[in-house]
Each structure stands twice: as structure tokens, then as C-alpha cells.
Amino acid sequence: MELLIHNQSEIDAYAEEVLRAHQGERELGGDKATVIGLSGELGAGKTTFVQALAKVLRITEHVTSPTFVIARFYDVPAHPRFKKLVHIDAYRIEHESELRPLGYESLLADPGNLVVIEWPSLLGKNFPEYADQIFIEVVDQTTRKFFTAS
């Protein structure tokens, strides 16, 4: 699927669609976290998309890029599927040992977690095979192309 997005309301609508697609996984036997990888050049809108996910999940905290802290954790107030949004930025991860202090394996094992990872390719084999991937391309100053791979 390929989608051109021109403004914040379109990003919000796409975030809602992505969440809706994953809502029933637990009922269908999903026993792991939902994991979404976000790929795109610097400034493409990866963190902006995570902010849209947080908005749809009714998270009131300000969502910022976790580039320097690697991960940020947000409680989801009332959602039938997700209890926590985990936002990971792998841009500065140089070795898989840096994932251990995050409790990465435990995060992936909890079906109540929505784990969103920016720069997933930098995790190599530590990026789950079952994860979805969203790619974001800059078309122009106000337009982004979103496309997926599962």
C-alpha cells in the first residue's frame, strides 16, 4: 500500500488505520508485542508519526524523539489492546548489548505493548521478523509518501 500524506490530519487518520489493523491481534492469539518499524531519512516524519499514534491512543504526555535516550515509554490510558507505547530510536545503537538495559526481549514478549522502532534496519537480527514496517519518503516540503511491508 502506498499513501501520499499532506498534513497532520492525514497523518492522524493513517495512525488510526494502523492501530485499527492491529487491535484484534490479541483476540486472534497474538502473544507478543505489536512491533512497527519506521524507516526514512532524517526529517522524514518518523517521530511525527509516533506522535500521531500517541494522539490516537489518547496519550497526553508530549512525545519526543528518543534519539539520545534510545527509548521512551508511555502508558496508554484506556485501550482494549495496548497498555504501553514503547518508542525506540535505534539510530545511535552500535551493538546489540545496548538493547539489554531496555529489557528489549521482555518488551517484545508483552502483548500489551505497541513497540515502534525508528531505524529498524540498524537492529539487524534483533528486529523481529513478524514486525510490520512503514517506510516514509520525502516527496516535497509538505508531502510524504508512506508505504508498508509486512
N, C-alpha and C. Protein backbone atom coordinates (compact mmCIF):
# COMPACT_ATOMS: atom_id res chain seq x y z
N MET A 1 0.84 -1.18 0.00
CA MET A 1 0.00 0.00 0.00
C MET A 1 0.88 1.24 0.00
N GLU A 2 0.49 2.22 -0.74
CA GLU A 2 1.21 3.48 -0.85
C GLU A 2 0.23 4.61 -0.62
N LEU A 3 0.65 5.59 0.18
CA LEU A 3 -0.25 6.67 0.56
C LEU A 3 0.51 7.98 0.59
N LEU A 4 0.00 8.99 -0.10
CA LEU A 4 0.58 10.32 -0.02
C LEU A 4 -0.12 11.08 1.09
N ILE A 5 0.67 11.67 1.98
CA ILE A 5 0.14 12.40 3.12
C ILE A 5 0.63 13.83 3.04
N HIS A 6 -0.32 14.77 3.20
CA HIS A 6 -0.01 16.18 3.01
C HIS A 6 -0.10 17.02 4.27
N ASN A 7 -0.75 16.51 5.32
CA ASN A 7 -0.96 17.34 6.51
C ASN A 7 -1.15 16.47 7.76
N GLN A 8 -1.22 17.12 8.89
CA GLN A 8 -1.32 16.41 10.16
C GLN A 8 -2.59 15.58 10.28
N SER A 9 -3.71 16.09 9.79
CA SER A 9 -4.95 15.32 9.91
C SER A 9 -4.87 14.03 9.10
N GLU A 10 -4.16 14.03 7.99
CA GLU A 10 -3.99 12.80 7.21
C GLU A 10 -3.05 11.83 7.93
N ILE A 11 -2.04 12.36 8.61
CA ILE A 11 -1.14 11.50 9.40
C ILE A 11 -1.94 10.87 10.54
N ASP A 12 -2.76 11.66 11.22
CA ASP A 12 -3.59 11.15 12.31
C ASP A 12 -4.52 10.04 11.81
N ALA A 13 -5.13 10.24 10.66
CA ALA A 13 -6.05 9.24 10.11
C ALA A 13 -5.30 7.96 9.76
N TYR A 14 -4.10 8.09 9.23
CA TYR A 14 -3.31 6.89 8.91
C TYR A 14 -2.90 6.16 10.18
N ALA A 15 -2.52 6.91 11.22
CA ALA A 15 -2.17 6.30 12.51
C ALA A 15 -3.35 5.51 13.06
N GLU A 16 -4.53 6.08 12.96
CA GLU A 16 -5.73 5.39 13.43
C GLU A 16 -5.97 4.10 12.64
N GLU A 17 -5.74 4.16 11.35
CA GLU A 17 -5.90 2.97 10.50
C GLU A 17 -4.89 1.88 10.88
N VAL A 18 -3.65 2.27 11.14
CA VAL A 18 -2.62 1.32 11.53
C VAL A 18 -3.00 0.65 12.85
N LEU A 19 -3.43 1.44 13.82
CA LEU A 19 -3.83 0.87 15.11
C LEU A 19 -5.03 -0.06 14.97
N ARG A 20 -5.99 0.33 14.17
CA ARG A 20 -7.18 -0.50 13.96
C ARG A 20 -6.79 -1.86 13.37
N ALA A 21 -5.81 -1.86 12.49
CA ALA A 21 -5.37 -3.11 11.86
C ALA A 21 -4.75 -4.07 12.88
N HIS A 22 -4.23 -3.54 13.98
CA HIS A 22 -3.58 -4.38 14.99
C HIS A 22 -4.44 -4.64 16.22
N GLN A 23 -5.59 -4.03 16.29
CA GLN A 23 -6.41 -4.11 17.50
C GLN A 23 -6.83 -5.52 17.86
N GLY A 24 -7.16 -6.34 16.89
CA GLY A 24 -7.68 -7.66 17.19
C GLY A 24 -6.64 -8.75 17.34
N GLU A 25 -5.34 -8.41 17.29
CA GLU A 25 -4.31 -9.44 17.33
C GLU A 25 -4.36 -10.29 18.58
N ARG A 26 -4.62 -9.70 19.74
CA ARG A 26 -4.66 -10.48 20.98
C ARG A 26 -5.80 -11.49 20.91
N GLU A 27 -6.95 -11.07 20.41
CA GLU A 27 -8.08 -11.97 20.31
C GLU A 27 -7.79 -13.10 19.33
N LEU A 28 -6.92 -12.84 18.36
CA LEU A 28 -6.57 -13.85 17.37
C LEU A 28 -5.39 -14.70 17.82
N GLY A 29 -4.98 -14.57 19.06
CA GLY A 29 -3.92 -15.42 19.58
C GLY A 29 -2.55 -14.77 19.59
N GLY A 30 -2.48 -13.47 19.33
CA GLY A 30 -1.19 -12.80 19.38
C GLY A 30 -0.63 -12.81 20.79
N ASP A 31 0.55 -13.37 20.95
CA ASP A 31 1.13 -13.49 22.28
C ASP A 31 2.42 -12.68 22.42
N LYS A 32 2.64 -11.76 21.51
CA LYS A 32 3.83 -10.92 21.53
C LYS A 32 3.40 -9.46 21.37
N ALA A 33 4.34 -8.58 21.62
CA ALA A 33 4.08 -7.16 21.38
C ALA A 33 3.83 -6.94 19.90
N THR A 34 3.06 -5.92 19.60
CA THR A 34 2.94 -5.46 18.23
C THR A 34 4.16 -4.57 17.98
N VAL A 35 4.88 -4.85 16.90
CA VAL A 35 6.10 -4.10 16.60
C VAL A 35 5.96 -3.50 15.21
N ILE A 36 6.27 -2.20 15.14
CA ILE A 36 6.23 -1.49 13.87
C ILE A 36 7.57 -0.78 13.70
N GLY A 37 8.23 -1.03 12.59
CA GLY A 37 9.45 -0.33 12.25
C GLY A 37 9.15 0.86 11.36
N LEU A 38 9.82 1.97 11.63
CA LEU A 38 9.66 3.18 10.81
C LEU A 38 11.00 3.52 10.17
N SER A 39 11.02 3.54 8.85
CA SER A 39 12.24 3.84 8.11
C SER A 39 12.03 5.07 7.24
N GLY A 40 13.05 5.88 7.16
CA GLY A 40 13.01 7.07 6.33
C GLY A 40 14.17 7.96 6.70
N GLU A 41 14.53 8.85 5.81
CA GLU A 41 15.66 9.72 6.08
C GLU A 41 15.40 10.64 7.26
N LEU A 42 16.44 11.26 7.77
CA LEU A 42 16.29 12.24 8.84
C LEU A 42 15.29 13.31 8.39
N GLY A 43 14.34 13.62 9.26
CA GLY A 43 13.35 14.65 8.94
C GLY A 43 12.18 14.17 8.11
N ALA A 44 12.09 12.87 7.85
CA ALA A 44 11.00 12.36 7.01
C ALA A 44 9.66 12.38 7.73
N GLY A 45 9.68 12.29 9.07
CA GLY A 45 8.43 12.32 9.81
C GLY A 45 8.17 11.10 10.68
N LYS A 46 9.24 10.38 11.01
CA LYS A 46 9.07 9.18 11.83
C LYS A 46 8.52 9.53 13.22
N THR A 47 9.13 10.49 13.89
CA THR A 47 8.65 10.87 15.22
C THR A 47 7.27 11.52 15.11
N THR A 48 7.02 12.26 14.07
CA THR A 48 5.70 12.86 13.87
C THR A 48 4.63 11.77 13.77
N PHE A 49 4.96 10.66 13.12
CA PHE A 49 4.01 9.56 13.03
C PHE A 49 3.79 8.92 14.41
N VAL A 50 4.85 8.77 15.20
CA VAL A 50 4.69 8.22 16.56
C VAL A 50 3.82 9.16 17.39
N GLN A 51 3.99 10.46 17.21
CA GLN A 51 3.14 11.43 17.92
C GLN A 51 1.67 11.24 17.52
N ALA A 52 1.43 10.94 16.25
CA ALA A 52 0.05 10.70 15.79
C ALA A 52 -0.50 9.41 16.42
N LEU A 53 0.32 8.37 16.51
CA LEU A 53 -0.12 7.15 17.18
C LEU A 53 -0.49 7.45 18.63
N ALA A 54 0.36 8.22 19.32
CA ALA A 54 0.10 8.57 20.71
C ALA A 54 -1.19 9.36 20.85
N LYS A 55 -1.44 10.26 19.93
CA LYS A 55 -2.67 11.05 19.96
C LYS A 55 -3.90 10.14 19.84
N VAL A 56 -3.85 9.20 18.90
CA VAL A 56 -4.97 8.28 18.71
C VAL A 56 -5.15 7.40 19.95
N LEU A 57 -4.04 7.07 20.62
CA LEU A 57 -4.10 6.25 21.84
C LEU A 57 -4.47 7.08 23.07
N ARG A 58 -4.70 8.37 22.88
CA ARG A 58 -5.09 9.30 23.94
C ARG A 58 -4.01 9.49 25.01
N ILE A 59 -2.77 9.40 24.57
CA ILE A 59 -1.64 9.68 25.46
C ILE A 59 -1.51 11.20 25.54
N THR A 60 -1.50 11.73 26.73
CA THR A 60 -1.47 13.19 26.89
C THR A 60 -0.05 13.73 27.07
N GLU A 61 0.90 12.86 27.39
CA GLU A 61 2.29 13.32 27.51
C GLU A 61 2.80 13.79 26.16
N HIS A 62 3.74 14.74 26.20
CA HIS A 62 4.37 15.20 24.96
C HIS A 62 5.35 14.13 24.49
N VAL A 63 5.16 13.65 23.28
CA VAL A 63 6.01 12.61 22.72
C VAL A 63 7.15 13.27 21.96
N THR A 64 8.37 12.92 22.37
CA THR A 64 9.56 13.49 21.73
C THR A 64 10.46 12.36 21.23
N SER A 65 11.38 12.72 20.39
CA SER A 65 12.31 11.73 19.84
C SER A 65 13.19 11.17 20.94
N PRO A 66 13.34 9.84 20.98
CA PRO A 66 14.21 9.23 21.98
C PRO A 66 15.65 9.04 21.48
N THR A 67 16.09 9.84 20.52
CA THR A 67 17.40 9.63 19.91
C THR A 67 18.51 9.49 20.94
N PHE A 68 18.55 10.35 21.94
CA PHE A 68 19.69 10.33 22.86
C PHE A 68 19.46 9.43 24.07
N VAL A 69 18.21 9.07 24.35
CA VAL A 69 17.93 8.16 25.47
C VAL A 69 17.57 6.76 24.96
N ILE A 70 17.53 6.56 23.69
CA ILE A 70 17.23 5.32 22.99
C ILE A 70 15.74 4.94 23.04
N ALA A 71 15.10 5.04 24.20
CA ALA A 71 13.69 4.63 24.29
C ALA A 71 12.92 5.53 25.24
N ARG A 72 11.66 5.69 24.93
CA ARG A 72 10.71 6.38 25.80
C ARG A 72 9.49 5.48 25.95
N PHE A 73 8.89 5.53 27.13
CA PHE A 73 7.77 4.66 27.46
C PHE A 73 6.57 5.53 27.86
N TYR A 74 5.42 5.20 27.30
CA TYR A 74 4.21 5.96 27.58
C TYR A 74 3.09 5.00 27.95
N ASP A 75 2.42 5.28 29.06
CA ASP A 75 1.25 4.48 29.43
C ASP A 75 0.08 4.88 28.55
N VAL A 76 -0.65 3.88 28.08
CA VAL A 76 -1.84 4.10 27.28
C VAL A 76 -3.02 4.06 28.24
N PRO A 77 -3.78 5.16 28.35
CA PRO A 77 -4.80 5.25 29.39
C PRO A 77 -5.95 4.25 29.29
N ALA A 78 -6.52 4.06 28.14
CA ALA A 78 -7.68 3.17 28.03
C ALA A 78 -7.81 2.67 26.61
N HIS A 79 -7.23 1.52 26.35
CA HIS A 79 -7.31 0.94 25.02
C HIS A 79 -7.51 -0.55 25.18
N PRO A 80 -8.35 -1.16 24.36
CA PRO A 80 -8.63 -2.59 24.53
C PRO A 80 -7.44 -3.50 24.24
N ARG A 81 -6.46 -3.02 23.50
CA ARG A 81 -5.33 -3.85 23.09
C ARG A 81 -4.02 -3.43 23.73
N PHE A 82 -3.74 -2.15 23.71
CA PHE A 82 -2.42 -1.66 24.11
C PHE A 82 -2.45 -1.02 25.48
N LYS A 83 -1.45 -1.33 26.28
CA LYS A 83 -1.30 -0.76 27.62
C LYS A 83 -0.11 0.20 27.68
N LYS A 84 0.85 0.00 26.76
CA LYS A 84 2.05 0.84 26.77
C LYS A 84 2.52 1.05 25.33
N LEU A 85 2.91 2.29 25.05
CA LEU A 85 3.59 2.63 23.80
C LEU A 85 5.07 2.74 24.12
N VAL A 86 5.88 1.97 23.41
CA VAL A 86 7.33 1.99 23.59
C VAL A 86 7.92 2.55 22.30
N HIS A 87 8.59 3.68 22.40
CA HIS A 87 9.16 4.36 21.24
C HIS A 87 10.68 4.24 21.31
N ILE A 88 11.25 3.49 20.38
CA ILE A 88 12.69 3.24 20.36
C ILE A 88 13.29 3.89 19.12
N ASP A 89 14.41 4.57 19.31
CA ASP A 89 15.16 5.13 18.19
C ASP A 89 16.50 4.40 18.14
N ALA A 90 16.68 3.58 17.13
CA ALA A 90 17.88 2.75 17.02
C ALA A 90 19.05 3.47 16.34
N TYR A 91 18.88 4.73 16.01
CA TYR A 91 19.90 5.46 15.25
C TYR A 91 21.28 5.43 15.90
N ARG A 92 21.32 5.50 17.23
CA ARG A 92 22.60 5.55 17.93
C ARG A 92 23.03 4.20 18.50
N ILE A 93 22.27 3.16 18.27
CA ILE A 93 22.64 1.84 18.79
C ILE A 93 23.76 1.27 17.93
N GLU A 94 24.85 0.95 18.56
CA GLU A 94 26.01 0.43 17.83
C GLU A 94 26.22 -1.05 18.05
N HIS A 95 25.65 -1.60 19.13
CA HIS A 95 25.83 -3.02 19.43
C HIS A 95 24.58 -3.54 20.12
N GLU A 96 24.24 -4.80 19.84
CA GLU A 96 23.02 -5.36 20.41
C GLU A 96 23.01 -5.37 21.93
N SER A 97 24.17 -5.31 22.55
CA SER A 97 24.22 -5.28 24.02
C SER A 97 23.55 -4.03 24.58
N GLU A 98 23.43 -2.99 23.77
CA GLU A 98 22.78 -1.76 24.22
C GLU A 98 21.27 -1.94 24.37
N LEU A 99 20.72 -3.03 23.85
CA LEU A 99 19.29 -3.30 23.98
C LEU A 99 18.96 -3.93 25.33
N ARG A 100 19.92 -4.60 25.93
CA ARG A 100 19.66 -5.30 27.20
C ARG A 100 19.16 -4.40 28.31
N PRO A 101 19.78 -3.22 28.54
CA PRO A 101 19.27 -2.37 29.63
C PRO A 101 17.82 -1.91 29.43
N LEU A 102 17.34 -1.96 28.20
CA LEU A 102 15.95 -1.58 27.92
C LEU A 102 14.98 -2.70 28.29
N GLY A 103 15.52 -3.90 28.52
CA GLY A 103 14.64 -5.05 28.70
C GLY A 103 13.96 -5.39 27.39
N TYR A 104 14.71 -5.27 26.31
CA TYR A 104 14.17 -5.39 24.95
C TYR A 104 13.39 -6.69 24.75
N GLU A 105 13.94 -7.81 25.17
CA GLU A 105 13.25 -9.08 24.97
C GLU A 105 11.93 -9.12 25.73
N SER A 106 11.91 -8.57 26.93
CA SER A 106 10.67 -8.52 27.72
C SER A 106 9.65 -7.60 27.06
N LEU A 107 10.13 -6.49 26.50
CA LEU A 107 9.22 -5.57 25.80
C LEU A 107 8.53 -6.26 24.64
N LEU A 108 9.30 -7.07 23.90
CA LEU A 108 8.75 -7.77 22.74
C LEU A 108 7.82 -8.91 23.15
N ALA A 109 7.98 -9.42 24.35
CA ALA A 109 7.19 -10.55 24.81
C ALA A 109 5.84 -10.14 25.39
N ASP A 110 5.63 -8.87 25.63
CA ASP A 110 4.40 -8.41 26.28
C ASP A 110 3.36 -8.00 25.23
N PRO A 111 2.26 -8.77 25.10
CA PRO A 111 1.26 -8.46 24.08
C PRO A 111 0.52 -7.15 24.30
N GLY A 112 0.70 -6.53 25.47
CA GLY A 112 0.08 -5.23 25.72
C GLY A 112 0.91 -4.06 25.23
N ASN A 113 2.08 -4.35 24.68
CA ASN A 113 2.97 -3.29 24.21
C ASN A 113 2.81 -3.05 22.71
N LEU A 114 2.82 -1.78 22.37
CA LEU A 114 2.99 -1.35 20.98
C LEU A 114 4.40 -0.78 20.93
N VAL A 115 5.30 -1.47 20.25
CA VAL A 115 6.70 -1.07 20.17
C VAL A 115 6.94 -0.49 18.78
N VAL A 116 7.32 0.78 18.74
CA VAL A 116 7.59 1.45 17.47
C VAL A 116 9.08 1.78 17.44
N ILE A 117 9.75 1.29 16.41
CA ILE A 117 11.20 1.40 16.32
C ILE A 117 11.59 2.21 15.09
N GLU A 118 12.22 3.35 15.34
CA GLU A 118 12.79 4.14 14.25
C GLU A 118 14.14 3.54 13.88
N TRP A 119 14.46 3.51 12.60
CA TRP A 119 15.72 2.95 12.09
C TRP A 119 15.84 1.46 12.40
N PRO A 120 14.81 0.65 12.12
CA PRO A 120 14.85 -0.77 12.49
C PRO A 120 15.97 -1.56 11.81
N SER A 121 16.41 -1.13 10.65
CA SER A 121 17.46 -1.87 9.95
C SER A 121 18.76 -1.91 10.76
N LEU A 122 18.94 -0.93 11.65
CA LEU A 122 20.16 -0.89 12.46
C LEU A 122 20.15 -1.95 13.56
N LEU A 123 19.00 -2.57 13.80
CA LEU A 123 18.93 -3.64 14.80
C LEU A 123 19.28 -5.00 14.22
N GLY A 124 19.37 -5.10 12.90
CA GLY A 124 19.72 -6.36 12.27
C GLY A 124 18.79 -7.48 12.71
N LYS A 125 19.37 -8.59 13.17
CA LYS A 125 18.58 -9.77 13.55
C LYS A 125 17.74 -9.53 14.80
N ASN A 126 17.96 -8.43 15.50
CA ASN A 126 17.17 -8.12 16.69
C ASN A 126 15.84 -7.45 16.35
N PHE A 127 15.63 -7.11 15.10
CA PHE A 127 14.32 -6.60 14.68
C PHE A 127 13.47 -7.81 14.34
N PRO A 128 12.32 -7.98 15.02
CA PRO A 128 11.52 -9.20 14.85
C PRO A 128 11.05 -9.41 13.41
N GLU A 129 11.12 -10.65 12.98
CA GLU A 129 10.68 -10.99 11.63
C GLU A 129 9.19 -10.75 11.44
N TYR A 130 8.42 -10.88 12.50
CA TYR A 130 6.96 -10.73 12.39
C TYR A 130 6.51 -9.26 12.35
N ALA A 131 7.42 -8.34 12.58
CA ALA A 131 7.08 -6.92 12.67
C ALA A 131 6.63 -6.36 11.32
N ASP A 132 5.79 -5.35 11.40
CA ASP A 132 5.42 -4.58 10.22
C ASP A 132 6.45 -3.47 10.02
N GLN A 133 6.57 -3.02 8.79
CA GLN A 133 7.46 -1.89 8.52
C GLN A 133 6.71 -0.85 7.71
N ILE A 134 6.92 0.39 8.12
CA ILE A 134 6.38 1.53 7.39
C ILE A 134 7.56 2.35 6.91
N PHE A 135 7.57 2.63 5.63
CA PHE A 135 8.63 3.43 5.04
C PHE A 135 8.05 4.80 4.72
N ILE A 136 8.84 5.84 4.99
CA ILE A 136 8.40 7.21 4.76
C ILE A 136 9.41 7.88 3.84
N GLU A 137 8.93 8.38 2.72
CA GLU A 137 9.79 9.11 1.78
C GLU A 137 9.34 10.56 1.72
N VAL A 138 10.30 11.46 1.66
CA VAL A 138 10.01 12.87 1.47
C VAL A 138 9.75 13.10 -0.01
N VAL A 139 8.56 13.60 -0.31
CA VAL A 139 8.21 13.92 -1.69
C VAL A 139 8.55 15.39 -1.95
N ASP A 140 8.09 16.25 -1.06
CA ASP A 140 8.45 17.67 -1.09
C ASP A 140 8.30 18.21 0.33
N GLN A 141 8.37 19.50 0.49
CA GLN A 141 8.38 20.10 1.82
C GLN A 141 7.15 19.74 2.66
N THR A 142 6.01 19.53 2.03
CA THR A 142 4.78 19.26 2.79
C THR A 142 4.17 17.87 2.51
N THR A 143 4.78 17.10 1.66
CA THR A 143 4.20 15.81 1.27
C THR A 143 5.14 14.65 1.58
N ARG A 144 4.57 13.61 2.16
CA ARG A 144 5.32 12.39 2.45
C ARG A 144 4.61 11.22 1.82
N LYS A 145 5.40 10.26 1.36
CA LYS A 145 4.84 9.02 0.83
C LYS A 145 5.08 7.95 1.89
N PHE A 146 3.99 7.34 2.36
CA PHE A 146 4.06 6.24 3.31
C PHE A 146 3.76 4.95 2.54
N PHE A 147 4.57 3.95 2.75
CA PHE A 147 4.26 2.63 2.19
C PHE A 147 4.71 1.56 3.17
N THR A 148 4.11 0.39 3.04
CA THR A 148 4.32 -0.65 4.04
C THR A 148 4.91 -1.90 3.45
N ALA A 149 5.49 -2.68 4.35
CA ALA A 149 5.96 -4.03 4.05
C ALA A 149 5.72 -4.83 5.32
N SER A 150 5.25 -6.04 5.19
CA SER A 150 4.99 -6.87 6.37
C SER A 150 5.78 -8.15 6.28
